[in-house]
Amino acid sequence: MDDKVAAKPDQAAIASPRRSPSQQRSRERVERMLAAASALIAEQGSDAMRMGEVAERAGVSIGSLYQFFPDKRAIVWALAERYTAESQACIAAALKDVGDKDGLRQAFSELVDIYYQLFLAEPVMRDIWSSTQADKALRELELADSRANAEFLAAALKRIRPDADPIELETAAFLVWQMGEAAVRLAISVERDEGDRLVAAYKRMALRELVGE
C-alpha cells in the first residue's frame, strides 16, 4: 500500500467530536461504553438510545461517559470510525495482491458480498448509515472512507491495466465504489430475494466496467 493511501489525508482532516483516551484503563472503559452503545442501538436504534442507558449498561458514571462522549452523536461517530477502519483493513488486504483480471473479479465479488452480509447482519451498521445521511460531518467521513477504498481498487486496476489512463481508472474506481454502497443499501431496503438479485446485477455491471468484460 502506498503512502498516499495509508495516510488517508481527507479522513484525517475530519475532526472527531470525542476525546481520545490516553491510558489503558481509560481505553478499556471507553470500550465498555461503545459495546454498551452498540447493544442499545441494535435493540432500539440510536434515536431512542439515552446517554444514561449507555452509562448504566457500561457500568460507568454518567460523568465518565460525558468525559469521552459529549453527546450521542459522538458515540455514533466513534462507531462509524471503527467500522471504517475495519472495512479499510479488509479491503486493503483483499486487493493488495491482485495482479490479473481473474484475481480482481474474485476479490471484488467477495468484498461486495461481505459488505452486503454485514449490512444484513449488523443493525448497528444500518443505523449508522441512516445517521450519516442526516449529519454533514458524518457524510464527509463516509466520503473520505469511500475515496480511500477506491484508491485500493484503483491501485489494483493500474496493475492489471497498465496501459490505461490512470485518471480514468481512478474515476471509474471511485464511481464504482460509490455505486456499490448505494446498491447494497438499496438491496437491504427490499425483500431478500430482490436484494440478492440487485447485488448480483451490480457486481456484473461493475466488473464489466472494471475489467472490460
Foldseek 3Di string as FASTA:
>chain_A
DDPVLVVLVLLVVQDQPWDDDDDPVLVVLVVLLLVLQQVVCQVPRLVPDDLVSSCVSSVHDSVSSCNTPVGSVNSLVVVLVVVLVVLLVLLLVQQVPQQELVSLLVSVLVSLVVVLVCVVVRSSVVRSVVVLVVDVSSVSNVLSSLLSSLVSVLVNLCNHCVPDDSVVSSVLSSVLSVVSVVLSNVLNVDDVVVSVVSSVVSSVVSSCVRVVD
